Amino acid sequence: MSDQLIYAMEVTLNGLMAGVLYALVALGFVLIYKASGIFNYAQGVMALFAAMTLVGIMNGQVPFSHLINAMFGTHIHHFGWHVPALIAIILTIGVMILLAWAVQYFVMRHLVNQEPIILFMATIGLAYFLEGLSDLMWGSEIKKLDVGLPQGINLWLDEVTFNIFGYGFFVDNLDIVATVIAALLVAALVAFSQYTKQGRAMRAVADDHQAALSVGISLNYIWVMVWSVAGFVALVAGIVWGTKSGVQFSLSLIALKALPVLMLGGFTSIPGAIVGGLIIGVGEKLFDFLIGPMIGGATENWFAYVLALVFLVFRPQGLFGEKIIERV
């Protein structure tokens, strides 16, 4: 087997792992869009906010310490304790549920039946508000996140591939864990959507708000639930990405990488988010490996968006999205 083919196999495997990370972010978009028709621009910032809150709780950091010290001339920064990762994750989930309630109560319930562009602009405002709130609460410096997830090269896979191909594949343990987490998360979300009362209510609200109201479904309850689940997905994505590259404000930009994933998989399909993420992950890695050297490299920055543009032209609803037919 040629060296070029072996390298391509390694690139493909790493592309699959990267695609899973993209898909984790895209899942949050899909959940909110399915239930309310809102494209939540703030999903990436929610991942940032969740990750920063988790690090702050784990380190025993005083929220708004910089603001408190500036106002009162104090020098308070930490409570003096550290919280175990599992307890900190549970507390952060509680914060994300509280955030979901606040978003619904103070923003979304006042915009029922408004035009989609107004709702989209509201999520842009929410994104900038959450980014500023994160800075005020926890500070803007880069933070290390360690919840015990394994990192570094997978030695077993390196040894197996070396024995087979004479060349060991470099695959990060964190990417393997992220793949398993994403698979479990997708299975749980699909089961929740299809087989639970709340999941069926969520799909009813997505189909027709007025019809859902007429049969006694509470829109406020459903939307708080959906934003809470999206917040949990954002927390998972924030943990994985924060562990991989540190918790910093550039973390919010991962939402931009999720856009091509949504265009490929469809805005209303949970499995589509995973498939779209895998296509983007593998496609950008292989394209950069095979074609990049011929055109100067750096193709990973734009390949996903070009591919998404092609899909928009020929199949705008994506691979798994619902084709919308309207009477005019």
Protein backbone atom coordinates (compact mmCIF):
# COMPACT_ATOMS: atom_id res chain seq x y z
CA MET A 1 0.00 0.00 0.00
CA SER A 2 1.42 3.37 -1.00
CA ASP A 3 2.45 5.95 1.57
CA GLN A 4 0.09 8.48 -0.01
CA LEU A 5 -2.92 6.23 0.54
CA ILE A 6 -1.91 5.49 4.15
CA TYR A 7 -1.57 9.21 4.88
CA ALA A 8 -4.96 9.81 3.26
CA MET A 9 -6.49 7.18 5.58
CA GLU A 10 -5.03 8.93 8.62
CA VAL A 11 -6.30 12.29 7.39
CA THR A 12 -9.76 10.80 6.83
CA LEU A 13 -9.85 9.37 10.35
CA ASN A 14 -8.85 12.71 11.87
CA GLY A 15 -11.41 14.43 9.65
CA LEU A 16 -14.14 12.21 11.08
CA MET A 17 -13.07 13.20 14.58
CA ALA A 18 -13.05 16.92 13.71
CA GLY A 19 -16.48 16.55 12.10
CA VAL A 20 -17.91 15.25 15.34
CA LEU A 21 -16.76 18.40 17.13
CA TYR A 22 -18.45 20.56 14.49
CA ALA A 23 -21.61 18.50 14.80
CA LEU A 24 -21.75 19.01 18.57
CA VAL A 25 -22.16 22.74 18.03
CA ALA A 26 -24.63 22.28 15.16
CA LEU A 27 -26.91 20.20 17.39
CA GLY A 28 -27.77 23.24 19.50
CA PHE A 29 -28.84 25.17 16.40
CA VAL A 30 -31.02 22.28 15.19
CA LEU A 31 -32.83 21.86 18.52
CA ILE A 32 -33.91 25.50 18.78
CA TYR A 33 -34.76 25.79 15.09
CA LYS A 34 -36.91 22.65 15.20
CA ALA A 35 -38.96 23.90 18.14
CA SER A 36 -39.32 27.59 17.37
CA GLY A 37 -38.08 28.33 13.87
CA ILE A 38 -35.41 30.61 15.37
CA PHE A 39 -31.88 30.50 14.02
CA ASN A 40 -29.97 30.99 17.27
CA TYR A 41 -26.89 33.02 16.40
CA ALA A 42 -25.94 32.95 20.10
CA GLN A 43 -25.30 29.19 20.21
CA GLY A 44 -21.52 29.58 19.93
CA VAL A 45 -21.49 32.21 22.68
CA MET A 46 -23.62 29.90 24.83
CA ALA A 47 -20.83 27.31 24.52
CA LEU A 48 -18.32 29.97 25.58
CA PHE A 49 -20.50 31.10 28.50
CA ALA A 50 -21.01 27.51 29.67
CA ALA A 51 -17.30 26.69 29.49
CA MET A 52 -16.28 29.88 31.33
CA THR A 53 -18.91 29.28 34.01
CA LEU A 54 -17.68 25.71 34.47
CA VAL A 55 -14.06 26.85 34.86
CA GLY A 56 -15.10 29.64 37.25
CA ILE A 57 -17.07 27.25 39.47
CA MET A 58 -14.30 24.63 39.45
CA ASN A 59 -11.68 27.20 40.45
CA GLY A 60 -13.87 28.80 43.11
CA GLN A 61 -13.73 32.16 41.34
CA VAL A 62 -15.96 34.98 42.62
CA PRO A 63 -18.37 36.05 39.85
CA PHE A 64 -18.07 39.72 38.85
CA SER A 65 -14.95 40.01 41.03
CA HIS A 66 -13.36 42.64 38.75
CA LEU A 67 -16.51 44.77 38.90
CA ILE A 68 -16.86 44.34 42.68
CA ASN A 69 -13.22 45.27 43.27
CA ALA A 70 -13.48 48.34 41.01
CA MET A 71 -16.62 49.57 42.77
CA PHE A 72 -15.61 48.93 46.39
CA GLY A 73 -11.81 48.96 46.27
CA THR A 74 -11.56 45.35 47.45
CA HIS A 75 -9.20 42.61 46.25
CA ILE A 76 -11.53 39.61 46.21
CA HIS A 77 -10.97 37.05 43.46
CA HIS A 78 -11.51 33.54 44.84
CA PHE A 79 -13.58 31.90 47.55
CA GLY A 80 -10.62 29.75 48.55
CA TRP A 81 -11.95 26.36 47.46
CA HIS A 82 -12.03 24.14 44.38
CA VAL A 83 -15.11 22.25 43.24
CA PRO A 84 -14.84 18.70 41.80
CA ALA A 85 -15.52 18.51 38.06
CA LEU A 86 -18.72 16.45 38.31
CA ILE A 87 -20.33 18.77 40.87
CA ALA A 88 -19.20 21.80 38.85
CA ILE A 89 -20.81 20.35 35.70
CA ILE A 90 -24.09 19.79 37.57
CA LEU A 91 -24.03 23.36 38.88
CA THR A 92 -23.26 24.68 35.40
CA ILE A 93 -26.23 22.77 34.01
CA GLY A 94 -28.34 24.58 36.60
CA VAL A 95 -26.93 27.92 35.43
CA MET A 96 -27.75 27.06 31.80
CA ILE A 97 -31.34 26.15 32.77
CA LEU A 98 -31.63 29.48 34.57
CA LEU A 99 -30.25 31.20 31.48
CA ALA A 100 -32.83 29.40 29.32
CA TRP A 101 -35.64 30.65 31.57
CA ALA A 102 -34.25 34.21 31.48
CA VAL A 103 -33.97 34.19 27.67
CA GLN A 104 -37.55 32.98 27.35
CA TYR A 105 -38.98 35.33 30.01
CA PHE A 106 -37.16 38.54 29.13
CA VAL A 107 -36.71 38.17 25.36
CA MET A 108 -38.49 35.46 23.42
CA ARG A 109 -41.96 35.59 24.94
CA HIS A 110 -42.23 39.22 23.83
CA LEU A 111 -41.43 38.27 20.22
CA VAL A 112 -44.04 35.56 19.60
CA ASN A 113 -45.33 35.62 15.99
CA GLN A 114 -42.74 38.19 14.94
CA GLU A 115 -40.95 37.92 11.59
CA PRO A 116 -37.99 35.47 11.48
CA ILE A 117 -35.57 38.32 10.79
CA ILE A 118 -36.61 40.03 14.04
CA LEU A 119 -36.04 36.82 16.00
CA PHE A 120 -32.67 36.36 14.32
CA MET A 121 -31.63 39.92 15.22
CA ALA A 122 -32.72 39.23 18.81
CA THR A 123 -30.32 36.26 18.99
CA ILE A 124 -27.50 38.46 17.64
CA GLY A 125 -28.16 40.90 20.48
CA LEU A 126 -28.29 37.97 22.90
CA ALA A 127 -24.91 36.75 21.63
CA TYR A 128 -23.19 40.08 22.30
CA PHE A 129 -24.93 40.39 25.68
CA LEU A 130 -23.74 36.93 26.77
CA GLU A 131 -20.22 37.65 25.56
CA GLY A 132 -20.11 40.83 27.64
CA LEU A 133 -21.69 39.04 30.61
CA SER A 134 -19.04 36.30 30.40
CA ASP A 135 -16.30 38.92 30.45
CA LEU A 136 -17.82 40.70 33.46
CA MET A 137 -18.44 37.49 35.40
CA TRP A 138 -15.24 35.56 34.82
CA GLY A 139 -12.68 37.87 33.14
CA SER A 140 -11.25 37.76 29.64
CA GLU A 141 -8.00 35.86 30.19
CA ILE A 142 -7.47 32.40 28.62
CA LYS A 143 -8.42 29.63 31.05
CA LYS A 144 -7.39 25.99 31.18
CA LEU A 145 -10.24 23.50 31.41
CA ASP A 146 -9.54 20.03 32.80
CA VAL A 147 -12.48 17.80 33.70
CA GLY A 148 -10.50 14.57 33.45
CA LEU A 149 -10.97 13.85 29.75
CA PRO A 150 -8.01 11.92 28.28
CA GLN A 151 -5.75 13.78 25.89
CA GLY A 152 -2.73 12.99 23.76
CA ILE A 153 -2.05 10.33 21.16
CA ASN A 154 -3.95 7.04 21.41
CA LEU A 155 -1.08 4.58 21.83
CA TRP A 156 -3.21 1.49 21.13
CA LEU A 157 -4.38 2.79 17.76
CA ASP A 158 -0.87 3.99 16.98
CA GLU A 159 0.52 0.51 17.65
CA VAL A 160 -2.22 -1.33 15.74
CA THR A 161 -1.89 0.84 12.63
CA PHE A 162 1.90 0.60 12.79
CA ASN A 163 1.69 -3.20 12.82
CA ILE A 164 -0.72 -3.19 9.86
CA PHE A 165 0.63 -0.38 7.69
CA GLY A 166 4.11 0.18 9.03
CA TYR A 167 3.01 3.69 9.99
CA GLY A 168 1.28 4.71 13.23
CA PHE A 169 -1.79 6.92 12.98
CA PHE A 170 -1.87 9.97 15.25
CA VAL A 171 -5.35 10.20 16.74
CA ASP A 172 -6.06 12.28 19.85
CA ASN A 173 -7.79 10.51 22.74
CA LEU A 174 -9.94 13.60 23.24
CA ASP A 175 -11.31 13.25 19.69
CA ILE A 176 -12.23 9.62 20.36
CA VAL A 177 -14.03 10.57 23.58
CA ALA A 178 -15.84 13.38 21.75
CA THR A 179 -17.01 10.89 19.13
CA VAL A 180 -18.46 8.59 21.78
CA ILE A 181 -20.12 11.51 23.59
CA ALA A 182 -21.63 12.83 20.36
CA ALA A 183 -22.99 9.40 19.43
CA LEU A 184 -24.64 8.99 22.85
CA LEU A 185 -25.97 12.55 22.76
CA VAL A 186 -27.54 12.12 19.32
CA ALA A 187 -29.11 8.79 20.31
CA ALA A 188 -30.55 10.37 23.46
CA LEU A 189 -31.90 13.42 21.59
CA VAL A 190 -33.51 11.29 18.86
CA ALA A 191 -35.12 9.05 21.49
CA PHE A 192 -36.31 12.10 23.42
CA SER A 193 -37.79 13.69 20.30
CA GLN A 194 -39.56 10.55 19.08
CA TYR A 195 -40.66 8.64 22.17
CA THR A 196 -41.36 11.11 25.00
CA LYS A 197 -44.39 13.28 25.61
CA GLN A 198 -42.23 16.40 25.79
CA GLY A 199 -40.49 15.48 22.54
CA ARG A 200 -43.79 15.04 20.71
CA ALA A 201 -44.98 18.36 22.13
CA MET A 202 -41.80 19.99 20.88
CA ARG A 203 -42.43 18.67 17.36
CA ALA A 204 -46.06 19.85 17.54
CA VAL A 205 -44.93 23.36 18.46
CA ALA A 206 -42.47 23.31 15.57
CA ASP A 207 -45.23 22.34 13.11
CA ASP A 208 -47.83 24.89 14.20
CA HIS A 209 -47.78 27.20 17.24
CA GLN A 210 -51.50 27.94 17.17
CA ALA A 211 -52.51 24.29 16.81
CA ALA A 212 -50.21 23.35 19.68
CA LEU A 213 -51.80 26.04 21.86
CA SER A 214 -55.28 24.79 20.98
CA VAL A 215 -54.56 21.33 22.39
CA GLY A 216 -53.15 22.71 25.64
CA ILE A 217 -49.42 22.70 24.98
CA SER A 218 -47.60 25.51 26.80
CA LEU A 219 -45.30 27.35 24.43
CA ASN A 220 -43.39 28.93 27.30
CA TYR A 221 -42.68 25.54 28.88
CA ILE A 222 -41.59 23.99 25.57
CA TRP A 223 -39.29 26.86 24.69
CA VAL A 224 -37.66 26.92 28.13
CA MET A 225 -37.13 23.16 27.79
CA VAL A 226 -35.64 23.50 24.32
CA TRP A 227 -33.31 26.36 25.30
CA SER A 228 -32.27 24.32 28.36
CA VAL A 229 -31.42 21.29 26.21
CA ALA A 230 -29.59 23.55 23.75
CA GLY A 231 -27.71 25.01 26.72
CA PHE A 232 -26.71 21.49 27.81
CA VAL A 233 -25.49 20.72 24.29
CA ALA A 234 -23.56 24.02 24.36
CA LEU A 235 -21.98 22.94 27.66
CA VAL A 236 -20.86 19.61 26.16
CA ALA A 237 -19.41 21.41 23.13
CA GLY A 238 -17.76 23.98 25.40
CA ILE A 239 -16.16 21.25 27.52
CA VAL A 240 -14.75 19.42 24.49
CA TRP A 241 -13.53 22.51 22.64
CA GLY A 242 -12.36 24.20 25.86
CA THR A 243 -10.34 21.13 26.83
CA LYS A 244 -8.85 20.99 23.33
CA SER A 245 -7.86 24.62 22.84
CA GLY A 246 -8.45 26.42 26.15
CA VAL A 247 -11.41 28.55 27.22
CA GLN A 248 -11.06 31.86 25.42
CA PHE A 249 -13.33 34.26 23.57
CA SER A 250 -12.42 32.79 20.17
CA LEU A 251 -14.41 29.76 21.35
CA SER A 252 -17.57 31.62 20.38
CA LEU A 253 -16.45 31.55 16.73
CA ILE A 254 -17.02 27.79 16.52
CA ALA A 255 -20.62 28.69 15.67
CA LEU A 256 -19.39 29.93 12.29
CA LYS A 257 -18.01 26.47 11.57
CA ALA A 258 -21.39 24.97 12.35
CA LEU A 259 -23.15 26.96 9.61
CA PRO A 260 -21.90 24.82 6.70
CA VAL A 261 -22.75 21.73 8.75
CA LEU A 262 -26.35 22.92 9.05
CA MET A 263 -26.58 23.75 5.35
CA LEU A 264 -25.46 20.25 4.44
CA GLY A 265 -27.41 18.27 7.03
CA GLY A 266 -30.53 20.43 7.16
CA PHE A 267 -31.71 22.85 9.83
CA THR A 268 -34.38 20.47 11.16
CA SER A 269 -32.54 17.14 11.36
CA ILE A 270 -30.61 15.92 14.41
CA PRO A 271 -28.94 13.02 12.53
CA GLY A 272 -28.32 15.48 9.68
CA ALA A 273 -26.17 17.60 12.00
CA ILE A 274 -23.91 14.60 12.61
CA VAL A 275 -23.74 13.55 8.96
CA GLY A 276 -23.12 17.14 7.86
CA GLY A 277 -20.37 17.51 10.45
CA LEU A 278 -18.66 14.32 9.27
CA ILE A 279 -18.84 15.40 5.62
CA ILE A 280 -17.38 18.81 6.43
CA GLY A 281 -14.68 17.35 8.70
CA VAL A 282 -13.53 14.69 6.23
CA GLY A 283 -13.99 16.92 3.19
CA GLU A 284 -11.88 19.81 4.44
CA LYS A 285 -9.08 17.53 5.65
CA LEU A 286 -8.89 15.49 2.44
CA PHE A 287 -9.20 18.57 0.23
CA ASP A 288 -6.37 20.28 2.10
CA PHE A 289 -4.28 17.09 1.91
CA LEU A 290 -4.85 16.34 -1.80
CA ILE A 291 -5.52 19.72 -3.41
CA GLY A 292 -4.07 22.18 -0.88
CA PRO A 293 -0.41 21.79 -1.92
CA MET A 294 -1.35 22.55 -5.55
CA ILE A 295 -3.02 25.88 -4.72
CA GLY A 296 -0.90 27.10 -1.82
CA GLY A 297 -2.63 25.41 1.14
CA ALA A 298 -4.83 26.99 3.83
CA THR A 299 -7.96 25.55 2.20
CA GLU A 300 -9.54 24.49 5.52
CA ASN A 301 -10.55 28.10 6.16
CA TRP A 302 -12.90 28.27 3.16
CA PHE A 303 -13.61 24.77 1.84
CA ALA A 304 -16.64 24.19 4.11
CA TYR A 305 -18.31 27.41 3.01
CA VAL A 306 -17.79 26.72 -0.70
CA LEU A 307 -19.27 23.25 -0.25
CA ALA A 308 -22.22 24.75 1.63
CA LEU A 309 -22.75 27.26 -1.19
CA VAL A 310 -22.94 24.41 -3.70
CA PHE A 311 -25.56 22.70 -1.55
CA LEU A 312 -27.57 25.91 -1.27
CA VAL A 313 -27.72 26.14 -5.07
CA PHE A 314 -28.72 22.53 -5.77
CA ARG A 315 -30.39 21.35 -2.55
CA PRO A 316 -31.19 24.30 -0.26
CA GLN A 317 -32.99 22.16 2.35
CA GLY A 318 -29.84 20.04 2.91
CA LEU A 319 -29.51 16.27 2.84
CA PHE A 320 -32.03 15.56 5.60
CA GLY A 321 -33.96 18.82 5.84
CA GLU A 322 -37.66 19.09 5.12
CA LYS A 323 -38.57 20.51 1.74
CA ILE A 324 -40.87 23.49 2.32
CA ILE A 325 -43.73 23.99 -0.14
CA GLU A 326 -45.88 27.09 0.30
CA ARG A 327 -48.99 28.23 -1.54
CA VAL A 328 -48.64 31.63 -3.15
